[in-house]
Protein backbone atom coordinates (compact mmCIF):
# COMPACT_ATOMS: atom_id res chain seq x y z
CA MET A 1 0.00 0.00 0.00
CA LYS A 2 2.84 2.36 0.84
CA LEU A 3 4.57 1.55 -2.47
CA LYS A 4 1.35 2.17 -4.39
CA SER A 5 0.99 5.60 -2.81
CA LEU A 6 4.59 6.46 -3.60
CA THR A 7 4.17 5.36 -7.20
CA ILE A 8 1.10 7.59 -7.55
CA ALA A 9 3.09 10.52 -6.14
CA LEU A 10 5.85 9.89 -8.68
CA ALA A 11 3.35 9.85 -11.56
CA LEU A 12 1.68 13.06 -10.40
CA ALA A 13 5.04 14.80 -10.11
CA ALA A 14 6.05 13.69 -13.59
CA THR A 15 2.85 14.84 -15.26
CA SER A 16 2.09 18.08 -13.42
CA ALA A 17 5.45 19.83 -12.99
CA SER A 18 7.08 22.01 -15.63
CA THR A 19 10.82 21.84 -16.24
CA PHE A 20 13.76 24.09 -16.98
CA ALA A 21 15.88 23.26 -19.99
CA ALA A 22 18.63 20.85 -18.96
CA ASP A 23 21.98 22.37 -20.00
CA LYS A 24 23.42 21.15 -16.66
CA GLU A 25 26.96 20.09 -15.82
CA GLY A 26 28.96 19.67 -12.62
CA PHE A 27 28.86 18.13 -9.13
CA TYR A 28 25.62 17.80 -7.21
CA ILE A 29 24.48 16.55 -3.79
CA GLY A 30 21.11 15.27 -2.73
CA ALA A 31 19.02 14.00 0.14
CA PHE A 32 16.05 11.69 -0.19
CA GLY A 33 13.37 9.73 1.60
CA ASP A 34 13.55 6.01 0.79
CA TYR A 35 10.99 3.22 0.66
CA TYR A 36 12.14 -0.36 -0.02
CA ASP A 37 9.63 -3.17 -0.58
CA ASN A 38 11.02 -6.67 -0.06
CA SER A 39 9.85 -10.11 1.05
CA TRP A 40 12.79 -12.10 2.41
CA GLU A 41 11.69 -15.40 3.95
CA ASN A 42 13.54 -17.65 6.39
CA VAL A 43 16.56 -15.38 6.63
CA ARG A 44 17.73 -16.87 9.92
CA ASP A 45 17.28 -20.36 11.29
CA TYR A 46 14.32 -19.68 13.52
CA ALA A 47 12.43 -23.00 13.67
CA PRO A 48 9.96 -23.73 12.34
CA GLY A 49 9.47 -20.69 9.96
CA GLY A 50 12.65 -18.65 10.37
CA LEU A 51 12.93 -14.90 10.19
CA ASP A 52 10.84 -13.06 7.57
CA VAL A 53 11.93 -9.52 6.62
CA ASP A 54 9.48 -7.06 5.08
CA ASP A 55 9.66 -3.47 3.79
CA SER A 56 11.86 -0.62 4.95
CA THR A 57 11.55 3.14 5.20
CA GLY A 58 14.50 5.43 5.66
CA TRP A 59 16.52 8.29 4.31
CA GLY A 60 19.69 8.74 2.29
CA LEU A 61 22.34 10.94 0.73
CA GLU A 62 23.91 10.98 -2.69
CA LEU A 63 26.86 12.63 -4.39
CA GLY A 64 26.94 12.83 -8.16
CA TYR A 65 28.39 14.47 -11.23
CA ARG A 66 26.47 15.61 -14.35
CA PHE A 67 28.83 15.02 -17.29
CA SER A 68 26.54 16.43 -19.99
CA ASP A 69 22.91 16.99 -20.83
CA TYR A 70 22.56 13.22 -21.25
CA TRP A 71 24.82 11.44 -18.72
CA SER A 72 25.45 11.57 -14.99
CA ALA A 73 26.68 9.23 -12.23
CA ARG A 74 26.27 9.12 -8.46
CA LEU A 75 27.27 7.43 -5.21
CA GLU A 76 24.44 6.55 -2.83
CA TYR A 77 24.08 5.87 0.88
CA ALA A 78 20.73 4.92 2.46
CA ASP A 79 19.95 4.39 6.14
CA MET A 80 17.17 1.78 6.26
CA ASP A 81 14.79 0.38 8.91
CA PHE A 82 13.38 -3.10 8.14
CA ASP A 83 10.32 -4.70 9.74
CA TRP A 84 10.64 -8.40 10.60
CA THR A 85 8.66 -11.24 12.11
CA ALA A 86 9.92 -14.55 13.54
CA GLU A 87 8.26 -17.85 14.36
CA LEU A 88 9.59 -19.23 17.66
CA ASN A 89 10.05 -22.87 18.56
CA ASP A 90 7.18 -22.77 21.04
CA GLY A 91 4.74 -21.83 18.27
CA THR A 92 4.55 -18.17 19.14
CA SER A 93 5.82 -15.31 17.00
CA MET A 94 7.52 -12.03 17.63
CA SER A 95 8.17 -8.95 15.51
CA GLY A 96 10.36 -5.90 15.49
CA SER A 97 12.53 -3.69 13.34
CA GLU A 98 16.23 -3.60 12.57
CA SER A 99 18.38 -0.98 10.93
CA GLY A 100 20.30 -1.59 7.73
CA LYS A 101 22.47 0.25 5.25
CA ARG A 102 22.61 0.42 1.46
CA TYR A 103 25.64 1.58 -0.50
CA GLY A 104 25.94 1.76 -4.26
CA ILE A 105 26.72 3.47 -7.53
CA ASP A 106 24.36 4.41 -10.34
CA GLY A 107 24.68 5.59 -13.91
CA LEU A 108 21.89 7.83 -15.20
CA TYR A 109 20.88 8.55 -18.80
CA HIS A 110 18.72 11.67 -19.26
CA PHE A 111 16.46 11.10 -22.26
CA GLY A 112 16.89 13.91 -24.79
CA GLY A 113 18.56 15.98 -22.08
CA GLY A 114 15.09 16.39 -20.51
CA PRO A 115 13.56 15.65 -17.10
CA PHE A 116 13.10 11.87 -17.48
CA TYR A 117 16.04 9.52 -16.94
CA GLY A 118 16.91 5.84 -16.80
CA ILE A 119 18.91 4.25 -13.95
CA PHE A 120 21.29 1.28 -13.84
CA GLY A 121 23.63 0.37 -11.01
CA LEU A 122 24.98 -1.97 -8.31
CA LYS A 123 24.05 -1.93 -4.60
CA ASN A 124 25.33 -3.56 -1.43
CA LEU A 125 22.68 -4.06 1.26
CA ASP A 126 23.71 -4.86 4.84
CA ALA A 127 20.75 -5.75 7.11
CA VAL A 128 19.58 -8.47 9.53
CA ASP A 129 22.92 -10.31 9.33
CA GLU A 130 22.73 -10.36 5.54
CA ASP A 131 25.37 -8.81 3.27
CA LEU A 132 23.84 -8.92 -0.22
CA MET A 133 24.66 -7.56 -3.68
CA PHE A 134 21.91 -6.32 -6.02
CA ALA A 135 21.80 -5.08 -9.59
CA ASN A 136 19.20 -2.39 -10.14
CA VAL A 137 17.44 -0.69 -13.05
CA GLY A 138 14.82 2.01 -12.88
CA ALA A 139 13.42 5.33 -14.08
CA GLY A 140 13.19 8.78 -12.60
CA TYR A 141 11.95 12.30 -13.07
CA GLN A 142 13.75 15.53 -12.16
CA HIS A 143 12.24 19.01 -12.02
CA TYR A 144 14.47 22.08 -11.61
CA PHE A 145 12.46 24.77 -9.84
CA THR A 146 15.52 27.06 -9.89
CA ASP A 147 18.69 26.85 -11.94
CA ASN A 148 20.41 24.86 -9.17
CA PHE A 149 17.71 23.19 -7.02
CA ALA A 150 15.73 20.21 -8.25
CA PHE A 151 13.06 17.82 -7.04
CA ASN A 152 13.67 14.12 -7.81
CA ALA A 153 11.31 11.15 -7.91
CA GLU A 154 12.31 7.65 -9.00
CA THR A 155 11.62 3.96 -8.66
CA SER A 156 13.90 0.96 -9.26
CA LEU A 157 13.78 -2.81 -9.51
CA TYR A 158 16.46 -4.65 -7.49
CA GLN A 159 17.59 -8.15 -8.48
CA GLY A 160 19.64 -10.13 -5.94
CA LEU A 161 22.97 -11.49 -7.16
CA ASP A 162 23.69 -13.61 -4.04
CA ARG A 163 20.11 -14.78 -3.51
CA GLY A 164 17.12 -14.73 -5.81
CA TYR A 165 15.44 -11.78 -4.16
CA THR A 166 13.51 -9.38 -6.41
CA ASP A 167 12.73 -6.12 -4.62
CA VAL A 168 11.30 -2.72 -5.52
CA GLY A 169 12.36 0.66 -4.20
CA ALA A 170 11.27 4.27 -4.55
CA LYS A 171 12.82 7.62 -3.63
CA LEU A 172 11.68 11.22 -3.27
CA GLY A 173 14.31 13.89 -2.74
CA LEU A 174 15.95 17.21 -3.38
CA SER A 175 19.29 17.89 -5.05
CA TYR A 176 21.59 20.86 -5.56
CA ILE A 177 23.96 21.20 -8.52
CA PHE A 178 26.98 23.44 -8.02
CA GLY A 179 28.09 26.20 -10.35
CA ASP A 180 26.42 28.62 -12.72
CA GLN A 181 23.57 26.69 -14.33
CA SER A 182 21.66 29.52 -15.98
CA SER A 183 19.07 27.99 -18.24
CA SER A 184 19.58 30.50 -21.03
CA ALA A 185 21.96 33.26 -21.94
CA ALA A 186 20.81 36.84 -21.74
CA PRO A 187 19.37 37.92 -25.06
CA VAL A 188 21.72 39.93 -27.22
CA GLU A 189 20.20 43.18 -28.28
CA PRO A 190 20.61 43.71 -32.01
CA ALA A 191 22.71 46.66 -33.01
CA PRO A 192 20.60 49.62 -34.08
CA VAL A 193 20.15 49.80 -37.81
CA VAL A 194 21.16 53.13 -39.24
CA SER A 195 19.02 53.70 -42.28
CA GLY A 196 20.54 55.63 -45.16
CA PRO A 197 19.53 56.44 -48.73
CA THR A 198 18.09 53.42 -50.50
CA ASP A 199 17.89 52.40 -54.14
CA SER A 200 15.20 49.71 -54.20
CA ASP A 201 15.42 48.91 -57.92
CA ASN A 202 19.23 49.25 -58.10
CA ASP A 203 19.16 51.65 -61.02
CA GLY A 204 21.65 54.10 -59.50
CA VAL A 205 19.01 56.69 -58.57
CA MET A 206 18.05 56.93 -54.89
CA ASP A 207 14.39 56.29 -54.05
CA ALA A 208 13.89 59.87 -52.91
CA ASP A 209 14.69 61.09 -56.45
CA ASP A 210 13.36 58.09 -58.41
CA GLN A 211 10.18 58.96 -60.34
CA CYS A 212 9.99 55.56 -62.04
CA ALA A 213 10.05 52.78 -59.43
CA ASN A 214 11.00 49.19 -60.29
CA THR A 215 12.81 50.04 -63.53
CA PRO A 216 14.01 46.79 -65.21
CA MET A 217 17.64 46.02 -64.45
CA THR A 218 18.40 45.85 -68.19
CA ASP A 219 17.33 49.46 -68.88
CA ALA A 220 19.57 52.50 -68.84
CA VAL A 221 17.89 55.34 -66.91
CA ASP A 222 17.95 59.11 -66.81
CA SER A 223 18.50 61.33 -63.77
CA LYS A 224 14.89 60.72 -62.68
CA GLY A 225 15.28 56.95 -62.71
CA CYS A 226 13.15 56.48 -65.85
CA THR A 227 14.03 54.28 -68.83
CA LEU A 228 16.04 55.99 -71.57
CA TYR A 229 14.83 55.67 -75.17
CA GLU A 230 16.47 56.44 -78.50
CA GLU A 231 15.08 56.65 -82.04
CA LYS A 232 16.36 54.15 -84.57
CA GLU A 233 15.47 53.86 -88.25
CA ALA A 234 14.23 50.42 -89.28
CA THR A 235 14.14 49.50 -92.95
CA ILE A 236 13.00 46.49 -94.96
CA THR A 237 13.39 46.01 -98.69
CA LEU A 238 11.68 43.71 -101.20
CA LEU A 239 12.89 42.50 -104.59
CA VAL A 240 10.81 40.11 -106.68
CA THR A 241 12.04 39.11 -110.15
CA PHE A 242 9.91 37.57 -112.90
CA PRO A 243 10.39 35.32 -115.94
CA HIS A 244 9.99 36.82 -119.43
CA ASP A 245 6.46 38.09 -120.11
CA VAL A 246 5.11 36.84 -116.74
CA ALA A 247 3.24 38.90 -114.09
CA GLU A 248 2.44 36.19 -111.51
CA VAL A 249 4.68 36.16 -108.39
CA PRO A 250 6.96 33.10 -108.37
CA ASN A 251 6.37 30.86 -105.30
CA LYS A 252 9.92 31.31 -104.05
CA TYR A 253 9.17 34.95 -103.12
CA PHE A 254 6.12 34.28 -100.92
CA SER A 255 8.23 34.14 -97.75
CA ASP A 256 9.92 37.46 -98.59
CA ILE A 257 6.53 39.08 -99.08
CA ALA A 258 5.35 37.59 -95.77
CA ASP A 259 8.34 39.21 -94.03
CA VAL A 260 7.28 42.60 -95.42
CA ALA A 261 3.73 41.99 -94.16
CA ALA A 262 5.05 41.14 -90.67
CA PHE A 263 7.13 44.34 -90.62
CA MET A 264 4.10 46.43 -91.57
CA LYS A 265 2.01 44.78 -88.84
CA GLU A 266 4.63 45.65 -86.24
CA ASN A 267 4.79 49.23 -87.53
CA GLU A 268 1.16 50.13 -88.05
CA GLY A 269 1.87 53.65 -89.34
CA THR A 270 3.81 52.44 -92.38
CA SER A 271 2.69 52.09 -95.98
CA VAL A 272 4.38 50.70 -99.06
CA VAL A 273 4.81 51.68 -102.71
CA LEU A 274 5.37 48.69 -105.01
CA GLU A 275 7.33 49.69 -108.12
CA GLY A 276 6.95 47.41 -111.13
CA HIS A 277 9.54 47.22 -113.94
CA ALA A 278 10.05 45.46 -117.28
CA SER A 279 13.00 44.74 -119.52
CA ALA A 280 13.72 46.61 -122.80
CA VAL A 281 12.60 43.65 -124.89
CA GLY A 282 9.35 44.23 -126.81
CA ASP A 283 6.88 47.10 -127.16
CA ALA A 284 7.24 49.90 -124.63
CA ASP A 285 3.48 50.34 -124.05
CA TYR A 286 3.06 46.62 -123.47
CA ASN A 287 5.97 46.62 -121.06
CA MET A 288 4.36 49.50 -119.12
CA LYS A 289 1.15 47.50 -118.61
CA LEU A 290 3.14 44.36 -117.75
CA SER A 291 5.10 46.20 -115.03
CA GLU A 292 1.86 47.51 -113.50
CA LYS A 293 0.40 43.99 -113.41
CA ARG A 294 3.54 42.72 -111.68
CA ALA A 295 3.23 45.38 -108.95
CA LYS A 296 -0.47 44.63 -108.44
CA ASP A 297 0.18 40.86 -108.16
CA VAL A 298 2.67 41.49 -105.36
CA ALA A 299 0.07 43.78 -103.71
CA GLU A 300 -2.48 40.94 -103.78
CA GLU A 301 -0.04 38.69 -101.92
CA LEU A 302 0.41 41.35 -99.21
CA VAL A 303 -3.38 41.61 -98.83
CA LYS A 304 -3.54 37.82 -98.47
CA ASP A 305 -0.97 38.15 -95.66
CA GLY A 306 -3.25 40.54 -93.77
CA ILE A 307 -2.20 44.02 -94.96
CA SER A 308 -5.02 46.44 -95.71
CA SER A 309 -5.13 47.54 -99.35
CA ASP A 310 -5.30 51.22 -98.37
CA ARG A 311 -1.71 50.90 -97.05
CA ILE A 312 -0.45 49.65 -100.43
CA SER A 313 0.24 51.68 -103.57
CA THR A 314 1.40 50.34 -106.95
CA VAL A 315 3.12 52.01 -109.88
CA GLY A 316 4.46 50.66 -113.17
CA TYR A 317 7.55 52.12 -114.82
CA GLY A 318 7.80 49.74 -117.77
CA GLU A 319 11.29 49.95 -119.21
CA GLU A 320 11.86 53.56 -118.10
CA ARG A 321 14.08 52.70 -115.13
CA LEU A 322 16.29 49.89 -116.25
CA LYS A 323 18.50 48.53 -113.52
CA ASN A 324 20.97 47.15 -116.05
CA LYS A 325 21.05 48.92 -119.44
CA ALA A 326 22.98 46.20 -121.24
CA TYR A 327 21.09 44.31 -123.88
CA THR A 328 21.83 40.80 -122.70
CA LEU A 329 19.80 37.92 -121.25
CA GLU A 330 21.31 38.57 -117.81
CA ALA A 331 20.38 42.27 -117.96
CA HIS A 332 16.84 41.51 -119.14
CA ALA A 333 16.33 39.08 -116.20
CA GLU A 334 17.62 41.69 -113.76
CA ASN A 335 15.26 44.35 -115.08
CA ARG A 336 12.04 42.22 -114.81
CA ARG A 337 11.26 43.08 -111.20
CA VAL A 338 9.12 44.64 -108.45
CA GLU A 339 10.94 46.68 -105.80
CA ALA A 340 9.86 48.23 -102.52
CA GLN A 341 11.49 49.80 -99.51
CA ILE A 342 9.76 50.61 -96.21
CA SER A 343 11.40 52.74 -93.51
CA THR A 344 10.20 53.78 -90.09
CA VAL A 345 11.65 55.38 -86.99
CA GLU A 346 11.33 53.21 -83.87
CA ARG A 347 11.59 54.35 -80.25
CA VAL A 348 13.71 51.68 -78.54
CA LYS A 349 15.11 51.28 -75.05
CA VAL A 350 18.73 52.02 -74.32
CA MET A 351 20.27 48.98 -72.65
CA ARG A 352 22.31 49.37 -69.46
CA LYS A 353 26.00 48.68 -69.90
């Protein structure tokens, strides 16, 4: 019954108390109340039943060292008081108590550096004319209510090495660890931040003077932090040549005409003049009409590519503007043509160097 009460006290202490962070190291001392539950039968030769020894209550001292957050070791001394009963030869019984002593050493492992720990050790128990060795294992709980003072509660199982006794013990105590055991260092105050001029978009112009926030990193900027622009002339040319006495555009020039259409779509303010030409072979009036038809056929291809007809003009020059005035097959082929040139001025960004 006493052991049950002590076990309940240990459980309540483990579940209700809060703990300091471990971070402990150094020597410590402790004092404890001790309860030892045993059932030793026929210890002495008292006929017919011998001497039976029951539980003990007592007190003890311990001296230990905390090596790290996880490991510690201790020496223990306990002053014990055992109850006993004896059957006498005349059939009567008698009872009493007898003092005893327990000496030993324990190793402790603190789980995760926290309040719970495991116990393993060796004990020598001297009582009622018995000098016995025990191995013990157990568990405990430790609560630091200041940086140096702690409450301890633990229970252990004792297994006899000389005799087959199996006993149970429990302890409640206080301990003091020496040295500075502050649970946490004083917080370091951050150095004051001295704010100066800032340039949030890294364009070289401070925010106070920047009238164009978040300028792209690739853009050169002016003194106000705004993107710099410059005007550049963009030009595209077209040259379509034709076989003798043919006005239809050869298929191989469709892609060139499509490029002109794309340029005009990008530059909506542009228009184009298609100039048709013929070679010096044949009648001049016929060649004039042929050159006009060639210009108009190219215009139809531009319309097919999405260019409005009101942006296209055509003119035929016949053989009036020969590109090559020689009278050879090569010159005639060079002169059968439609030409165009479109220019525009674009406003483009200046890139940062």
